[in-house]
Amino acid sequence: MARIGFLGLGNMGRGMALRLVNAGHEVVAFNRTRARAEALQGSGIKVADTPRAAAHGVDAVISMVGDDVASRAMWLGEEGALAAQMAPDAFVIECSTLSYNWVQELGQQVKAQSLRYIDCPVTGLPDAAAAGQLVLLAGAEDGDLKAATPLLASLNKEIIHFGAVGTGTAYKLMLNLIGAIQIASIAEGMAIAEKAGLDLEKVNHALSLGQAASLQVMRSVKRIIADDHDKDIVFSGKLRLKDASYGVELAQALGVAPEFGQVAVDAFAKLADLGLEEHNESVVFKAVGGKNR
């Protein structure tokens, strides 16, 4: 079994860290809000005071945080994880959804320190993280990923290797930009249905029978009808805006005109003005003119 440093114990990271402990690994975790880390001490997770302390002597460090700023704070600086003395050929595994440029920069820094970098964002909600049913979207050298696969086994139901470092993130940003467009469009559609006086439960049923019924669309429709965006927050509007913005940035860098993506970004950006950005992403319904109750 391995000694693993884990950075970030939010909705996703908590379940992932517990999976690693239950698989028999020794896990030393750091979370910026220390109380969240201390709450898990009875589970076998050890708590570190800094990312550097969490990474000391480990075989791998796994990060699951919110954005580029948080990721940089975890890895860089005097108390960052990359300042630690890790085991030779240790793995640096970044599971967060981050910008393509930062992932590439981090990968180069890791390589310069003779460590092995796995670009490894995930798909799956917190319940999938807790059940070890995530899909890992990997960008890494073949040998590095093969060597890391046993360590990652308790976290996933499948690993999809897209290619070199950065390719996992490129896919994840594409996917989450599509998701932002879908959620914004169904929110707009539901606002139209509401204002036209349609029974929203019947709309839900009719949508479930048609071609538009993706899991993401139907999940958002149910939240819109329930009008419970401030409860059981699975993925906030703020995080969706961040992911979509990174996706638009990548598209533009690649010479793609992300017109639909930009519309979705603009819709989610309105949530900050409404004071709703921390609510579930389905609350974008309010930003496009939906009222509900």
C-alpha atoms as a PDB file:
ATOM      1  CA  MET A   1       0.000   0.000   0.000  1.00  0.00           C
ATOM      2  CA  ALA A   2       1.073   3.583  -0.634  1.00  0.00           C
ATOM      3  CA  ARG A   3       1.490   6.728   1.412  1.00  0.00           C
ATOM      4  CA  ILE A   4      -0.614   9.420  -0.264  1.00  0.00           C
ATOM      5  CA  GLY A   5      -0.911  13.148   0.284  1.00  0.00           C
ATOM      6  CA  PHE A   6      -4.388  14.481  -0.487  1.00  0.00           C
ATOM      7  CA  LEU A   7      -5.097  18.162  -1.093  1.00  0.00           C
ATOM      8  CA  GLY A   8      -8.675  19.431  -0.900  1.00  0.00           C
ATOM      9  CA  LEU A   9     -11.536  17.809   1.009  1.00  0.00           C
ATOM     10  CA  GLY A  10     -14.583  19.385  -0.616  1.00  0.00           C
ATOM     11  CA  ASN A  11     -17.614  17.514  -1.925  1.00  0.00           C
ATOM     12  CA  MET A  12     -15.500  15.436  -4.304  1.00  0.00           C
ATOM     13  CA  GLY A  13     -12.197  15.236  -2.451  1.00  0.00           C
ATOM     14  CA  ARG A  14     -13.726  13.957   0.763  1.00  0.00           C
ATOM     15  CA  GLY A  15     -15.172  10.855  -0.879  1.00  0.00           C
ATOM     16  CA  MET A  16     -11.983  10.218  -2.838  1.00  0.00           C
ATOM     17  CA  ALA A  17      -9.760  10.464   0.226  1.00  0.00           C
ATOM     18  CA  LEU A  18     -11.992   8.072   2.164  1.00  0.00           C
ATOM     19  CA  ARG A  19     -11.890   5.583  -0.725  1.00  0.00           C
ATOM     20  CA  LEU A  20      -8.095   5.592  -0.572  1.00  0.00           C
ATOM     21  CA  VAL A  21      -8.105   5.001   3.196  1.00  0.00           C
ATOM     22  CA  ASN A  22     -10.578   2.155   2.847  1.00  0.00           C
ATOM     23  CA  ALA A  23      -8.340   0.605   0.196  1.00  0.00           C
ATOM     24  CA  GLY A  24      -5.569   0.408   2.785  1.00  0.00           C
ATOM     25  CA  HIS A  25      -3.477   3.414   1.818  1.00  0.00           C
ATOM     26  CA  GLU A  26      -2.026   5.804   4.371  1.00  0.00           C
ATOM     27  CA  VAL A  27      -3.568   9.206   3.624  1.00  0.00           C
ATOM     28  CA  VAL A  28      -2.295  12.543   4.914  1.00  0.00           C
ATOM     29  CA  ALA A  29      -4.624  15.372   3.939  1.00  0.00           C
ATOM     30  CA  PHE A  30      -4.590  19.140   3.845  1.00  0.00           C
ATOM     31  CA  ASN A  31      -7.645  21.340   3.486  1.00  0.00           C
ATOM     32  CA  ARG A  32      -7.695  25.127   3.642  1.00  0.00           C
ATOM     33  CA  THR A  33     -10.598  24.947   6.097  1.00  0.00           C
ATOM     34  CA  ARG A  34      -8.919  22.804   8.725  1.00  0.00           C
ATOM     35  CA  ALA A  35     -12.153  21.859  10.516  1.00  0.00           C
ATOM     36  CA  ARG A  36     -13.282  19.931   7.424  1.00  0.00           C
ATOM     37  CA  ALA A  37     -10.097  17.868   7.539  1.00  0.00           C
ATOM     38  CA  GLU A  38     -10.263  17.309  11.286  1.00  0.00           C
ATOM     39  CA  ALA A  39     -13.807  15.992  10.939  1.00  0.00           C
ATOM     40  CA  LEU A  40     -12.346  13.024   9.039  1.00  0.00           C
ATOM     41  CA  GLN A  41      -9.627  12.088  11.528  1.00  0.00           C
ATOM     42  CA  GLY A  42     -11.704   9.270  12.979  1.00  0.00           C
ATOM     43  CA  SER A  43     -11.801   7.690   9.526  1.00  0.00           C
ATOM     44  CA  GLY A  44      -8.044   7.121   9.510  1.00  0.00           C
ATOM     45  CA  ILE A  45      -7.074  10.232   7.560  1.00  0.00           C
ATOM     46  CA  LYS A  46      -4.176  12.146   9.097  1.00  0.00           C
ATOM     47  CA  VAL A  47      -4.321  15.946   8.984  1.00  0.00           C
ATOM     48  CA  ALA A  48      -1.392  18.100   7.860  1.00  0.00           C
ATOM     49  CA  ASP A  49      -0.893  21.803   8.561  1.00  0.00           C
ATOM     50  CA  THR A  50       0.340  22.637   5.049  1.00  0.00           C
ATOM     51  CA  PRO A  51       0.371  21.083   1.578  1.00  0.00           C
ATOM     52  CA  ARG A  52       4.111  20.603   1.984  1.00  0.00           C
ATOM     53  CA  ALA A  53       3.594  18.622   5.174  1.00  0.00           C
ATOM     54  CA  ALA A  54       0.918  16.496   3.505  1.00  0.00           C
ATOM     55  CA  ALA A  55       3.331  15.664   0.673  1.00  0.00           C
ATOM     56  CA  HIS A  56       6.371  14.824   2.817  1.00  0.00           C
ATOM     57  CA  GLY A  57       7.718  11.350   2.034  1.00  0.00           C
ATOM     58  CA  VAL A  58       4.698  10.306  -0.020  1.00  0.00           C
ATOM     59  CA  ASP A  59       4.475   8.028  -3.036  1.00  0.00           C
ATOM     60  CA  ALA A  60       1.817  10.257  -4.597  1.00  0.00           C
ATOM     61  CA  VAL A  61       0.005  13.531  -4.067  1.00  0.00           C
ATOM     62  CA  ILE A  62      -3.560  13.907  -5.339  1.00  0.00           C
ATOM     63  CA  SER A  63      -5.270  17.284  -5.574  1.00  0.00           C
ATOM     64  CA  MET A  64      -8.992  18.035  -5.924  1.00  0.00           C
ATOM     65  CA  VAL A  65      -9.627  21.765  -5.583  1.00  0.00           C
ATOM     66  CA  GLY A  66     -11.805  24.422  -7.164  1.00  0.00           C
ATOM     67  CA  ASP A  67      -9.735  26.420  -9.621  1.00  0.00           C
ATOM     68  CA  ASP A  68      -6.308  27.568 -10.832  1.00  0.00           C
ATOM     69  CA  VAL A  69      -5.799  29.891  -7.872  1.00  0.00           C
ATOM     70  CA  ALA A  70      -6.433  27.124  -5.360  1.00  0.00           C
ATOM     71  CA  SER A  71      -4.298  24.662  -7.308  1.00  0.00           C
ATOM     72  CA  ARG A  72      -1.343  27.052  -7.472  1.00  0.00           C
ATOM     73  CA  ALA A  73      -1.612  27.649  -3.739  1.00  0.00           C
ATOM     74  CA  MET A  74      -1.517  23.892  -3.110  1.00  0.00           C
ATOM     75  CA  TRP A  75       1.505  23.141  -5.291  1.00  0.00           C
ATOM     76  CA  LEU A  76       3.729  26.239  -5.313  1.00  0.00           C
ATOM     77  CA  GLY A  77       5.553  28.360  -2.743  1.00  0.00           C
ATOM     78  CA  GLU A  78       7.559  27.508   0.343  1.00  0.00           C
ATOM     79  CA  GLU A  79       4.693  25.533   1.880  1.00  0.00           C
ATOM     80  CA  GLY A  80       3.391  24.101  -1.373  1.00  0.00           C
ATOM     81  CA  ALA A  81       3.419  20.375  -2.025  1.00  0.00           C
ATOM     82  CA  LEU A  82       6.177  20.642  -4.638  1.00  0.00           C
ATOM     83  CA  ALA A  83       8.510  21.994  -1.955  1.00  0.00           C
ATOM     84  CA  ALA A  84       8.258  18.680  -0.075  1.00  0.00           C
ATOM     85  CA  GLN A  85      10.723  15.839  -0.216  1.00  0.00           C
ATOM     86  CA  MET A  86       8.670  13.060  -1.803  1.00  0.00           C
ATOM     87  CA  ALA A  87       9.648   9.485  -2.586  1.00  0.00           C
ATOM     88  CA  PRO A  88      11.767   9.057  -5.745  1.00  0.00           C
ATOM     89  CA  ASP A  89       9.582   9.071  -8.893  1.00  0.00           C
ATOM     90  CA  ALA A  90       6.521  10.062  -6.864  1.00  0.00           C
ATOM     91  CA  PHE A  91       3.295  10.830  -8.705  1.00  0.00           C
ATOM     92  CA  VAL A  92       1.722  14.264  -8.850  1.00  0.00           C
ATOM     93  CA  ILE A  93      -1.933  13.687  -9.751  1.00  0.00           C
ATOM     94  CA  GLU A  94      -4.099  16.728 -10.396  1.00  0.00           C
ATOM     95  CA  CYS A  95      -7.779  15.745 -10.487  1.00  0.00           C
ATOM     96  CA  SER A  96      -9.190  19.280 -10.389  1.00  0.00           C
ATOM     97  CA  THR A  97     -10.813  20.929 -13.413  1.00  0.00           C
ATOM     98  CA  LEU A  98      -8.306  23.626 -14.296  1.00  0.00           C
ATOM     99  CA  SER A  99      -7.262  25.790 -17.210  1.00  0.00           C
ATOM    100  CA  TYR A 100      -5.289  24.119 -19.979  1.00  0.00           C
ATOM    101  CA  ASN A 101      -2.400  26.585 -19.647  1.00  0.00           C
ATOM    102  CA  TRP A 102      -1.990  25.997 -15.916  1.00  0.00           C
ATOM    103  CA  VAL A 103      -2.092  22.219 -16.321  1.00  0.00           C
ATOM    104  CA  GLN A 104       0.698  22.427 -18.877  1.00  0.00           C
ATOM    105  CA  GLU A 105       2.725  24.752 -16.667  1.00  0.00           C
ATOM    106  CA  LEU A 106       2.298  22.500 -13.657  1.00  0.00           C
ATOM    107  CA  GLY A 107       3.268  19.448 -15.689  1.00  0.00           C
ATOM    108  CA  GLN A 108       6.498  21.105 -16.778  1.00  0.00           C
ATOM    109  CA  GLN A 109       7.324  22.071 -13.197  1.00  0.00           C
ATOM    110  CA  VAL A 110       6.716  18.505 -12.010  1.00  0.00           C
ATOM    111  CA  LYS A 111       8.880  17.040 -14.783  1.00  0.00           C
ATOM    112  CA  ALA A 112      11.683  19.468 -13.922  1.00  0.00           C
ATOM    113  CA  GLN A 113      11.682  18.003 -10.414  1.00  0.00           C
ATOM    114  CA  SER A 114      11.973  14.437 -11.792  1.00  0.00           C
ATOM    115  CA  LEU A 115       8.489  13.534 -10.567  1.00  0.00           C
ATOM    116  CA  ARG A 116       5.707  11.910 -12.610  1.00  0.00           C
ATOM    117  CA  TYR A 117       2.680  13.987 -13.560  1.00  0.00           C
ATOM    118  CA  ILE A 118      -0.813  12.635 -14.254  1.00  0.00           C
ATOM    119  CA  ASP A 119      -3.295  15.144 -15.681  1.00  0.00           C
ATOM    120  CA  CYS A 120      -6.424  13.477 -14.326  1.00  0.00           C
ATOM    121  CA  PRO A 121      -9.719  15.410 -14.109  1.00  0.00           C
ATOM    122  CA  VAL A 122     -12.784  13.305 -13.411  1.00  0.00           C
ATOM    123  CA  THR A 123     -16.414  12.907 -14.359  1.00  0.00           C
ATOM    124  CA  GLY A 124     -18.971  11.942 -11.759  1.00  0.00           C
ATOM    125  CA  LEU A 125     -20.844  13.594  -8.915  1.00  0.00           C
ATOM    126  CA  PRO A 126     -19.948  13.373  -5.193  1.00  0.00           C
ATOM    127  CA  ASP A 127     -21.895  10.129  -4.766  1.00  0.00           C
ATOM    128  CA  ALA A 128     -19.763   8.551  -7.505  1.00  0.00           C
ATOM    129  CA  ALA A 129     -16.603   9.788  -5.774  1.00  0.00           C
ATOM    130  CA  ALA A 130     -17.708   8.197  -2.504  1.00  0.00           C
ATOM    131  CA  ALA A 131     -18.529   4.919  -4.282  1.00  0.00           C
ATOM    132  CA  GLY A 132     -15.306   4.755  -6.293  1.00  0.00           C
ATOM    133  CA  GLN A 133     -17.264   5.058  -9.551  1.00  0.00           C
ATOM    134  CA  LEU A 134     -15.585   8.065 -11.131  1.00  0.00           C
ATOM    135  CA  VAL A 135     -14.322   8.090 -14.701  1.00  0.00           C
ATOM    136  CA  LEU A 136     -10.759   9.401 -14.794  1.00  0.00           C
ATOM    137  CA  LEU A 137      -9.788  11.441 -17.839  1.00  0.00           C
ATOM    138  CA  ALA A 138      -6.052  11.025 -18.086  1.00  0.00           C
ATOM    139  CA  GLY A 139      -3.322  12.886 -19.887  1.00  0.00           C
ATOM    140  CA  ALA A 140       0.070  11.340 -19.147  1.00  0.00           C
ATOM    141  CA  GLU A 141       2.972   9.377 -20.522  1.00  0.00           C
ATOM    142  CA  ASP A 142       1.994   5.745 -21.078  1.00  0.00           C
ATOM    143  CA  GLY A 143       4.445   4.344 -18.549  1.00  0.00           C
ATOM    144  CA  ASP A 144       3.508   6.853 -15.865  1.00  0.00           C
ATOM    145  CA  LEU A 145      -0.203   6.119 -16.156  1.00  0.00           C
ATOM    146  CA  LYS A 146       0.366   2.367 -16.170  1.00  0.00           C
ATOM    147  CA  ALA A 147       2.428   2.661 -12.996  1.00  0.00           C
ATOM    148  CA  ALA A 148      -0.206   4.862 -11.311  1.00  0.00           C
ATOM    149  CA  THR A 149      -3.204   2.716 -12.268  1.00  0.00           C
ATOM    150  CA  PRO A 150      -3.100   0.392  -9.214  1.00  0.00           C
ATOM    151  CA  LEU A 151      -2.956   3.398  -6.904  1.00  0.00           C
ATOM    152  CA  LEU A 152      -6.024   4.910  -8.613  1.00  0.00           C
ATOM    153  CA  ALA A 153      -8.001   1.661  -8.672  1.00  0.00           C
ATOM    154  CA  SER A 154     -10.197   2.427  -5.657  1.00  0.00           C
ATOM    155  CA  LEU A 155     -11.366   5.739  -7.157  1.00  0.00           C
ATOM    156  CA  ASN A 156     -12.703   4.758 -10.534  1.00  0.00           C
ATOM    157  CA  LYS A 157     -14.768   2.470 -12.711  1.00  0.00           C
ATOM    158  CA  GLU A 158     -12.762   3.411 -15.792  1.00  0.00           C
ATOM    159  CA  ILE A 159      -9.682   5.348 -16.843  1.00  0.00           C
ATOM    160  CA  ILE A 160      -9.730   6.882 -20.313  1.00  0.00           C
ATOM    161  CA  HIS A 161      -6.242   7.805 -21.519  1.00  0.00           C
ATOM    162  CA  PHE A 162      -6.473  10.615 -24.058  1.00  0.00           C
ATOM    163  CA  GLY A 163      -2.741  11.046 -24.637  1.00  0.00           C
ATOM    164  CA  ALA A 164      -0.046  13.392 -23.380  1.00  0.00           C
ATOM    165  CA  VAL A 165      -0.309  15.738 -20.407  1.00  0.00           C
ATOM    166  CA  GLY A 166      -3.068  18.272 -21.064  1.00  0.00           C
ATOM    167  CA  THR A 167      -5.297  16.028 -23.141  1.00  0.00           C
ATOM    168  CA  GLY A 168      -7.351  14.917 -20.151  1.00  0.00           C
ATOM    169  CA  THR A 169      -7.999  18.536 -19.260  1.00  0.00           C
ATOM    170  CA  ALA A 170      -8.812  19.440 -22.879  1.00  0.00           C
ATOM    171  CA  TYR A 171     -11.526  16.775 -22.919  1.00  0.00           C
ATOM    172  CA  LYS A 172     -12.890  17.804 -19.506  1.00  0.00           C
ATOM    173  CA  LEU A 173     -13.134  21.456 -20.509  1.00  0.00           C
ATOM    174  CA  MET A 174     -14.896  20.520 -23.741  1.00  0.00           C
ATOM    175  CA  LEU A 175     -17.316  18.338 -21.797  1.00  0.00           C
ATOM    176  CA  ASN A 176     -18.091  20.918 -19.136  1.00  0.00           C
ATOM    177  CA  LEU A 177     -18.578  23.634 -21.725  1.00  0.00           C
ATOM    178  CA  ILE A 178     -21.146  21.412 -23.451  1.00  0.00           C
ATOM    179  CA  GLY A 179     -22.757  20.931 -20.036  1.00  0.00           C
ATOM    180  CA  ALA A 180     -22.944  24.677 -19.449  1.00  0.00           C
ATOM    181  CA  ILE A 181     -24.637  25.147 -22.825  1.00  0.00           C
ATOM    182  CA  GLN A 182     -27.123  22.359 -22.092  1.00  0.00           C
ATOM    183  CA  ILE A 183     -28.022  23.679 -18.650  1.00  0.00           C
ATOM    184  CA  ALA A 184     -28.392  27.269 -19.844  1.00  0.00           C
ATOM    185  CA  SER A 185     -30.522  26.184 -22.798  1.00  0.00           C
ATOM    186  CA  ILE A 186     -32.873  23.993 -20.749  1.00  0.00           C
ATOM    187  CA  ALA A 187     -33.195  26.795 -18.194  1.00  0.00           C
ATOM    188  CA  GLU A 188     -34.245  29.108 -21.022  1.00  0.00           C
ATOM    189  CA  GLY A 189     -36.659  26.498 -22.347  1.00  0.00           C
ATOM    190  CA  MET A 190     -38.223  25.995 -18.932  1.00  0.00           C
ATOM    191  CA  ALA A 191     -38.608  29.760 -18.538  1.00  0.00           C
ATOM    192  CA  ILE A 192     -40.489  29.825 -21.849  1.00  0.00           C
ATOM    193  CA  ALA A 193     -42.685  26.917 -20.707  1.00  0.00           C
ATOM    194  CA  GLU A 194     -43.416  28.627 -17.391  1.00  0.00           C
ATOM    195  CA  LYS A 195     -44.364  31.940 -18.999  1.00  0.00           C
ATOM    196  CA  ALA A 196     -46.532  30.112 -21.567  1.00  0.00           C
ATOM    197  CA  GLY A 197     -48.501  28.624 -18.681  1.00  0.00           C
ATOM    198  CA  LEU A 198     -47.483  25.007 -19.241  1.00  0.00           C
ATOM    199  CA  ASP A 199     -47.637  22.456 -16.453  1.00  0.00           C
ATOM    200  CA  LEU A 200     -43.948  22.007 -15.687  1.00  0.00           C
ATOM    201  CA  GLU A 201     -44.412  18.436 -14.464  1.00  0.00           C
ATOM    202  CA  LYS A 202     -45.930  17.553 -17.819  1.00  0.00           C
ATOM    203  CA  VAL A 203     -43.061  19.343 -19.528  1.00  0.00           C
ATOM    204  CA  ASN A 204     -40.670  17.190 -17.499  1.00  0.00           C
ATOM    205  CA  HIS A 205     -42.454  14.025 -18.601  1.00  0.00           C
ATOM    206  CA  ALA A 206     -42.583  15.057 -22.254  1.00  0.00           C
ATOM    207  CA  LEU A 207     -38.888  15.975 -22.264  1.00  0.00           C
ATOM    208  CA  SER A 208     -37.996  12.577 -20.784  1.00  0.00           C
ATOM    209  CA  LEU A 209     -39.530  10.890 -23.838  1.00  0.00           C
ATOM    210  CA  GLY A 210     -37.588  12.906 -26.413  1.00  0.00           C
ATOM    211  CA  GLN A 211     -34.121  13.337 -27.853  1.00  0.00           C
ATOM    212  CA  ALA A 212     -33.201  16.259 -25.576  1.00  0.00           C
ATOM    213  CA  ALA A 213     -33.337  14.054 -22.471  1.00  0.00           C
ATOM    214  CA  SER A 214     -29.685  13.885 -21.464  1.00  0.00           C
ATOM    215  CA  LEU A 215     -28.968  13.052 -17.824  1.00  0.00           C
ATOM    216  CA  GLN A 216     -27.726  16.594 -17.286  1.00  0.00           C
ATOM    217  CA  VAL A 217     -30.807  18.184 -18.830  1.00  0.00           C
ATOM    218  CA  MET A 218     -33.252  16.041 -16.863  1.00  0.00           C
ATOM    219  CA  ARG A 219     -31.374  16.563 -13.599  1.00  0.00           C
ATOM    220  CA  SER A 220     -31.595  20.323 -14.147  1.00  0.00           C
ATOM    221  CA  VAL A 221     -35.299  20.183 -15.076  1.00  0.00           C
ATOM    222  CA  LYS A 222     -36.102  18.397 -11.819  1.00  0.00           C
ATOM    223  CA  ARG A 223     -34.197  21.000  -9.804  1.00  0.00           C
ATOM    224  CA  ILE A 224     -35.929  23.832 -11.664  1.00  0.00           C
ATOM    225  CA  ILE A 225     -39.367  22.379 -10.917  1.00  0.00           C
ATOM    226  CA  ALA A 226     -38.476  21.762  -7.267  1.00  0.00           C
ATOM    227  CA  ASP A 227     -37.060  25.309  -6.982  1.00  0.00           C
ATOM    228  CA  ASP A 228     -34.579  24.018  -4.413  1.00  0.00           C
ATOM    229  CA  HIS A 229     -31.392  25.517  -5.835  1.00  0.00           C
ATOM    230  CA  ASP A 230     -30.149  26.578  -2.393  1.00  0.00           C
ATOM    231  CA  LYS A 231     -30.336  23.041  -0.952  1.00  0.00           C
ATOM    232  CA  ASP A 232     -28.201  19.941  -1.522  1.00  0.00           C
ATOM    233  CA  ILE A 233     -25.842  21.864  -3.797  1.00  0.00           C
ATOM    234  CA  VAL A 234     -24.194  19.323  -6.092  1.00  0.00           C
ATOM    235  CA  PHE A 235     -22.374  21.780  -8.366  1.00  0.00           C
ATOM    236  CA  SER A 236     -22.607  25.520  -7.911  1.00  0.00           C
ATOM    237  CA  GLY A 237     -23.237  28.123 -10.562  1.00  0.00           C
ATOM    238  CA  LYS A 238     -19.881  29.645  -9.628  1.00  0.00           C
ATOM    239  CA  LEU A 239     -18.036  26.426 -10.431  1.00  0.00           C
ATOM    240  CA  ARG A 240     -19.954  25.971 -13.692  1.00  0.00           C
ATOM    241  CA  LEU A 241     -19.004  29.516 -14.703  1.00  0.00           C
ATOM    242  CA  LYS A 242     -15.355  28.786 -13.910  1.00  0.00           C
ATOM    243  CA  ASP A 243     -15.308  25.596 -15.972  1.00  0.00           C
ATOM    244  CA  ALA A 244     -17.147  27.167 -18.894  1.00  0.00           C
ATOM    245  CA  SER A 245     -14.816  30.172 -18.862  1.00  0.00           C
ATOM    246  CA  TYR A 246     -11.773  27.894 -18.990  1.00  0.00           C
ATOM    247  CA  GLY A 247     -13.428  26.019 -21.863  1.00  0.00           C
ATOM    248  CA  VAL A 248     -14.077  29.204 -23.839  1.00  0.00           C
ATOM    249  CA  GLU A 249     -10.480  30.274 -23.225  1.00  0.00           C
ATOM    250  CA  LEU A 250      -9.183  26.975 -24.623  1.00  0.00           C
ATOM    251  CA  ALA A 251     -11.496  27.127 -27.634  1.00  0.00           C
ATOM    252  CA  GLN A 252     -10.301  30.608 -28.500  1.00  0.00           C
ATOM    253  CA  ALA A 253      -6.664  29.568 -28.162  1.00  0.00           C
ATOM    254  CA  LEU A 254      -7.316  26.725 -30.592  1.00  0.00           C
ATOM    255  CA  GLY A 255      -8.986  28.990 -33.133  1.00  0.00           C
ATOM    256  CA  VAL A 256     -12.534  27.794 -32.451  1.00  0.00           C
ATOM    257  CA  ALA A 257     -15.251  30.450 -32.148  1.00  0.00           C
ATOM    258  CA  PRO A 258     -17.168  29.383 -28.998  1.00  0.00           C
ATOM    259  CA  GLU A 259     -20.308  31.372 -29.697  1.00  0.00           C
ATOM    260  CA  PHE A 260     -22.703  29.072 -27.840  1.00  0.00           C
ATOM    261  CA  GLY A 261     -20.202  28.649 -25.031  1.00  0.00           C
ATOM    262  CA  GLN A 262     -19.901  32.395 -24.592  1.00  0.00           C
ATOM    263  CA  VAL A 263     -23.675  32.743 -24.342  1.00  0.00           C
ATOM    264  CA  ALA A 264     -23.658  30.138 -21.557  1.00  0.00           C
ATOM    265  CA  VAL A 265     -20.794  31.917 -19.795  1.00  0.00           C
ATOM    266  CA  ASP A 266     -22.744  35.183 -19.941  1.00  0.00           C
ATOM    267  CA  ALA A 267     -25.829  33.479 -18.482  1.00  0.00           C
ATOM    268  CA  PHE A 268     -23.938  31.993 -15.538  1.00  0.00           C
ATOM    269  CA  ALA A 269     -22.082  35.275 -14.981  1.00  0.00           C
ATOM    270  CA  LYS A 270     -25.443  36.934 -14.225  1.00  0.00           C
ATOM    271  CA  LEU A 271     -25.764  34.802 -11.103  1.00  0.00           C
ATOM    272  CA  ALA A 272     -23.180  36.893  -9.261  1.00  0.00           C
ATOM    273  CA  ASP A 273     -25.278  40.040  -9.785  1.00  0.00           C
ATOM    274  CA  LEU A 274     -28.293  38.164  -8.427  1.00  0.00           C
ATOM    275  CA  GLY A 275     -26.363  36.885  -5.409  1.00  0.00           C
ATOM    276  CA  LEU A 276     -27.034  33.299  -6.492  1.00  0.00           C
ATOM    277  CA  GLU A 277     -23.627  32.084  -7.675  1.00  0.00           C
ATOM    278  CA  GLU A 278     -23.159  29.770  -4.686  1.00  0.00           C
ATOM    279  CA  HIS A 279     -26.507  28.038  -5.337  1.00  0.00           C
ATOM    280  CA  ASN A 280     -26.853  24.889  -7.422  1.00  0.00           C
ATOM    281  CA  GLU A 281     -26.074  25.499 -11.099  1.00  0.00           C
ATOM    282  CA  SER A 282     -29.740  24.902 -12.003  1.00  0.00           C
ATOM    283  CA  VAL A 283     -30.447  28.350 -10.538  1.00  0.00           C
ATOM    284  CA  VAL A 284     -29.381  29.803 -13.904  1.00  0.00           C
ATOM    285  CA  PHE A 285     -33.121  29.423 -14.570  1.00  0.00           C
ATOM    286  CA  LYS A 286     -33.526  32.645 -12.575  1.00  0.00           C
ATOM    287  CA  ALA A 287     -30.852  34.400 -14.629  1.00  0.00           C
ATOM    288  CA  VAL A 288     -32.702  33.777 -17.912  1.00  0.00           C
ATOM    289  CA  GLY A 289     -36.046  35.049 -16.657  1.00  0.00           C
ATOM    290  CA  GLY A 290     -37.581  32.062 -14.860  1.00  0.00           C
ATOM    291  CA  LYS A 291     -39.549  32.787 -11.704  1.00  0.00           C
ATOM    292  CA  ASN A 292     -41.099  29.578 -10.359  1.00  0.00           C
ATOM    293  CA  ARG A 293     -42.249  30.431  -6.859  1.00  0.00           C
END
